[in-house]
Structures are given as C-alpha cells and as structure tokens.
Amino acid sequence: MTRPDKGVGSAVSRTAQAATHGSVGVAELTHAEVRDRLSDLLDGGLSESDRRGVEGHLAACRDCSAYRATLNATVDATARLPRPVAPRGSRAKILEQVRRHKDSENGK
C-alpha cells in the first residue's frame, strides 16, 4: 500500500508549489492533483500540456506510478466482468412507472 504524500510536506501536499525548471516557471503538480487527473489521462481527456505535466510527475514519482498501475489493473479487471442483464419484464415495468409519474405531474 502506498502513502499518497510520503515525503511531501503538508503545505506542499495541499497546493501546487511554484518551481522553476531552467528558466521557465512551471507549477508542479501535487500527488493529489496527479491522482485526480489519472482517469482523464487514461481516457485521453487531458490537454497536451496537462498530459505532459501528469506524465512528467509520474516519471519521477514511484508512489503515483504505483497508483496509476493499480488504476489500470482495476479498469482492466472491470472490463472483463460480465455485463449485467436486467430481469425479464423490467423494461415494461420501468416504462409503466415513467408513464405513471408523468401522468401524476400533469394532474391526470
């Protein structure tokens, strides 16, 4: 089990700290910010700059990389689960409930 902010001061773990890399000022991402963006990274939903920031953090952070691996394994395992099948007749029951609800809203 990994500790989310192991080795990171509490003030740093709550907010992004400004740091300079070479001559360009870059806001470093906290562990929590990276982990919050992992699903979007896996889904391809990050901007190019956000993707680079998250991947840069992952390249340097063993704990967040382990978290990503766990998320990947969870997504893969979930995808292999059998799809649930609704009980027979449930569609008709749901549609009837919707009709009744709609009629009650219209004062019928």
C-alpha atoms as a PDB file:
ATOM      1  CA  MET A   1       0.000   0.000   0.000  1.00  0.00           C
ATOM      2  CA  THR A   2       1.369   3.411  -0.904  1.00  0.00           C
ATOM      3  CA  ARG A   3       1.129   6.582   1.110  1.00  0.00           C
ATOM      4  CA  PRO A   4      -0.207   9.408  -1.094  1.00  0.00           C
ATOM      5  CA  ASP A   5       2.078  12.198   0.068  1.00  0.00           C
ATOM      6  CA  LYS A   6       5.010  10.272   1.511  1.00  0.00           C
ATOM      7  CA  GLY A   7       7.978  12.604   1.790  1.00  0.00           C
ATOM      8  CA  VAL A   8       5.989  15.684   0.871  1.00  0.00           C
ATOM      9  CA  GLY A   9       5.415  18.482   3.374  1.00  0.00           C
ATOM     10  CA  SER A  10       1.813  19.186   4.343  1.00  0.00           C
ATOM     11  CA  ALA A  11       1.782  22.669   2.829  1.00  0.00           C
ATOM     12  CA  VAL A  12       3.056  21.262  -0.437  1.00  0.00           C
ATOM     13  CA  SER A  13       0.525  18.431  -0.495  1.00  0.00           C
ATOM     14  CA  ARG A  14      -2.389  20.865  -0.219  1.00  0.00           C
ATOM     15  CA  THR A  15      -1.428  23.229  -3.028  1.00  0.00           C
ATOM     16  CA  ALA A  16       0.709  23.236  -6.107  1.00  0.00           C
ATOM     17  CA  GLN A  17       4.041  24.814  -5.409  1.00  0.00           C
ATOM     18  CA  ALA A  18       5.654  27.127  -7.904  1.00  0.00           C
ATOM     19  CA  ALA A  19       9.016  25.942  -9.068  1.00  0.00           C
ATOM     20  CA  THR A  20      11.370  26.853 -11.817  1.00  0.00           C
ATOM     21  CA  HIS A  21      12.776  24.345 -14.232  1.00  0.00           C
ATOM     22  CA  GLY A  22      15.586  26.004 -16.129  1.00  0.00           C
ATOM     23  CA  SER A  23      14.421  29.485 -16.971  1.00  0.00           C
ATOM     24  CA  VAL A  24      10.738  28.643 -17.319  1.00  0.00           C
ATOM     25  CA  GLY A  25       8.383  28.904 -14.333  1.00  0.00           C
ATOM     26  CA  VAL A  26       6.226  25.763 -14.023  1.00  0.00           C
ATOM     27  CA  ALA A  27       3.651  24.885 -11.383  1.00  0.00           C
ATOM     28  CA  GLU A  28       4.486  21.436 -10.058  1.00  0.00           C
ATOM     29  CA  LEU A  29       1.541  19.151  -9.526  1.00  0.00           C
ATOM     30  CA  THR A  30       0.853  17.668  -6.130  1.00  0.00           C
ATOM     31  CA  HIS A  31       0.304  13.950  -5.691  1.00  0.00           C
ATOM     32  CA  ALA A  32      -3.425  14.567  -5.159  1.00  0.00           C
ATOM     33  CA  GLU A  33      -3.701  16.646  -8.339  1.00  0.00           C
ATOM     34  CA  VAL A  34      -1.968  13.953 -10.379  1.00  0.00           C
ATOM     35  CA  ARG A  35      -4.188  11.227  -8.958  1.00  0.00           C
ATOM     36  CA  ASP A  36      -7.289  13.327  -9.615  1.00  0.00           C
ATOM     37  CA  ARG A  37      -6.290  13.526 -13.298  1.00  0.00           C
ATOM     38  CA  LEU A  38      -5.360   9.884 -13.870  1.00  0.00           C
ATOM     39  CA  SER A  39      -8.774   8.816 -15.164  1.00  0.00           C
ATOM     40  CA  ASP A  40      -8.732  11.682 -17.646  1.00  0.00           C
ATOM     41  CA  LEU A  41      -5.210  10.685 -18.665  1.00  0.00           C
ATOM     42  CA  LEU A  42      -6.286   7.084 -19.286  1.00  0.00           C
ATOM     43  CA  ASP A  43      -9.336   8.280 -21.254  1.00  0.00           C
ATOM     44  CA  GLY A  44      -7.284  10.708 -23.348  1.00  0.00           C
ATOM     45  CA  GLY A  45      -9.201  13.647 -21.896  1.00  0.00           C
ATOM     46  CA  LEU A  46      -6.301  15.888 -20.878  1.00  0.00           C
ATOM     47  CA  SER A  47      -4.919  18.793 -22.845  1.00  0.00           C
ATOM     48  CA  GLU A  48      -1.423  18.270 -24.228  1.00  0.00           C
ATOM     49  CA  SER A  49       0.107  20.486 -21.561  1.00  0.00           C
ATOM     50  CA  ASP A  50      -1.794  18.779 -18.710  1.00  0.00           C
ATOM     51  CA  ARG A  51      -0.846  15.357 -20.084  1.00  0.00           C
ATOM     52  CA  ARG A  52       2.826  16.323 -20.158  1.00  0.00           C
ATOM     53  CA  GLY A  53       2.623  17.629 -16.599  1.00  0.00           C
ATOM     54  CA  VAL A  54       0.988  14.459 -15.267  1.00  0.00           C
ATOM     55  CA  GLU A  55       3.313  12.155 -17.201  1.00  0.00           C
ATOM     56  CA  GLY A  56       6.335  14.154 -16.005  1.00  0.00           C
ATOM     57  CA  HIS A  57       5.226  13.711 -12.413  1.00  0.00           C
ATOM     58  CA  LEU A  58       4.595  10.001 -12.963  1.00  0.00           C
ATOM     59  CA  ALA A  59       8.075   9.556 -14.435  1.00  0.00           C
ATOM     60  CA  ALA A  60       9.609  10.930 -11.232  1.00  0.00           C
ATOM     61  CA  CYS A  61       7.175   9.646  -8.587  1.00  0.00           C
ATOM     62  CA  ARG A  62       7.179   5.947  -7.763  1.00  0.00           C
ATOM     63  CA  ASP A  63       4.133   6.224  -5.477  1.00  0.00           C
ATOM     64  CA  CYS A  64       1.927   7.911  -8.091  1.00  0.00           C
ATOM     65  CA  SER A  65       3.164   5.465 -10.746  1.00  0.00           C
ATOM     66  CA  ALA A  66       2.092   2.600  -8.490  1.00  0.00           C
ATOM     67  CA  TYR A  67      -1.292   4.287  -8.044  1.00  0.00           C
ATOM     68  CA  ARG A  68      -1.609   4.538 -11.845  1.00  0.00           C
ATOM     69  CA  ALA A  69      -0.732   0.854 -12.234  1.00  0.00           C
ATOM     70  CA  THR A  70      -3.423  -0.041  -9.700  1.00  0.00           C
ATOM     71  CA  LEU A  71      -5.966   2.100 -11.549  1.00  0.00           C
ATOM     72  CA  ASN A  72      -5.009   0.445 -14.855  1.00  0.00           C
ATOM     73  CA  ALA A  73      -5.407  -3.008 -13.304  1.00  0.00           C
ATOM     74  CA  THR A  74      -8.790  -2.033 -11.856  1.00  0.00           C
ATOM     75  CA  VAL A  75     -10.037  -0.733 -15.205  1.00  0.00           C
ATOM     76  CA  ASP A  76      -8.811  -3.888 -16.961  1.00  0.00           C
ATOM     77  CA  ALA A  77     -10.432  -6.181 -14.371  1.00  0.00           C
ATOM     78  CA  THR A  78     -13.708  -4.261 -14.528  1.00  0.00           C
ATOM     79  CA  ALA A  79     -13.771  -4.509 -18.323  1.00  0.00           C
ATOM     80  CA  ARG A  80     -13.571  -8.306 -18.041  1.00  0.00           C
ATOM     81  CA  LEU A  81     -16.613  -8.574 -15.757  1.00  0.00           C
ATOM     82  CA  PRO A  82     -19.757  -9.997 -17.349  1.00  0.00           C
ATOM     83  CA  ARG A  83     -22.286  -7.368 -18.301  1.00  0.00           C
ATOM     84  CA  PRO A  84     -25.340  -7.454 -16.047  1.00  0.00           C
ATOM     85  CA  VAL A  85     -28.620  -8.454 -17.609  1.00  0.00           C
ATOM     86  CA  ALA A  86     -31.833  -6.829 -16.448  1.00  0.00           C
ATOM     87  CA  PRO A  87     -34.527  -9.190 -15.225  1.00  0.00           C
ATOM     88  CA  ARG A  88     -37.165 -10.203 -17.727  1.00  0.00           C
ATOM     89  CA  GLY A  89     -40.006  -7.703 -17.965  1.00  0.00           C
ATOM     90  CA  SER A  90     -38.076  -4.893 -16.275  1.00  0.00           C
ATOM     91  CA  ARG A  91     -38.219  -2.626 -19.327  1.00  0.00           C
ATOM     92  CA  ALA A  92     -42.017  -2.731 -19.377  1.00  0.00           C
ATOM     93  CA  LYS A  93     -42.171  -2.059 -15.616  1.00  0.00           C
ATOM     94  CA  ILE A  94     -39.811   0.910 -15.873  1.00  0.00           C
ATOM     95  CA  LEU A  95     -41.735   2.420 -18.778  1.00  0.00           C
ATOM     96  CA  GLU A  96     -45.015   1.994 -16.900  1.00  0.00           C
ATOM     97  CA  GLN A  97     -43.559   3.765 -13.837  1.00  0.00           C
ATOM     98  CA  VAL A  98     -42.345   6.625 -16.041  1.00  0.00           C
ATOM     99  CA  ARG A  99     -45.804   6.958 -17.619  1.00  0.00           C
ATOM    100  CA  ARG A 100     -47.472   6.998 -14.189  1.00  0.00           C
ATOM    101  CA  HIS A 101     -45.011   9.597 -12.918  1.00  0.00           C
ATOM    102  CA  LYS A 102     -45.526  11.771 -15.980  1.00  0.00           C
ATOM    103  CA  ASP A 103     -49.332  11.470 -15.661  1.00  0.00           C
ATOM    104  CA  SER A 104     -49.183  12.451 -11.970  1.00  0.00           C
ATOM    105  CA  GLU A 105     -47.121  15.540 -12.839  1.00  0.00           C
ATOM    106  CA  ASN A 106     -49.705  16.528 -15.474  1.00  0.00           C
ATOM    107  CA  GLY A 107     -52.566  16.146 -12.980  1.00  0.00           C
ATOM    108  CA  LYS A 108     -54.112  13.063 -14.535  1.00  0.00           C
END
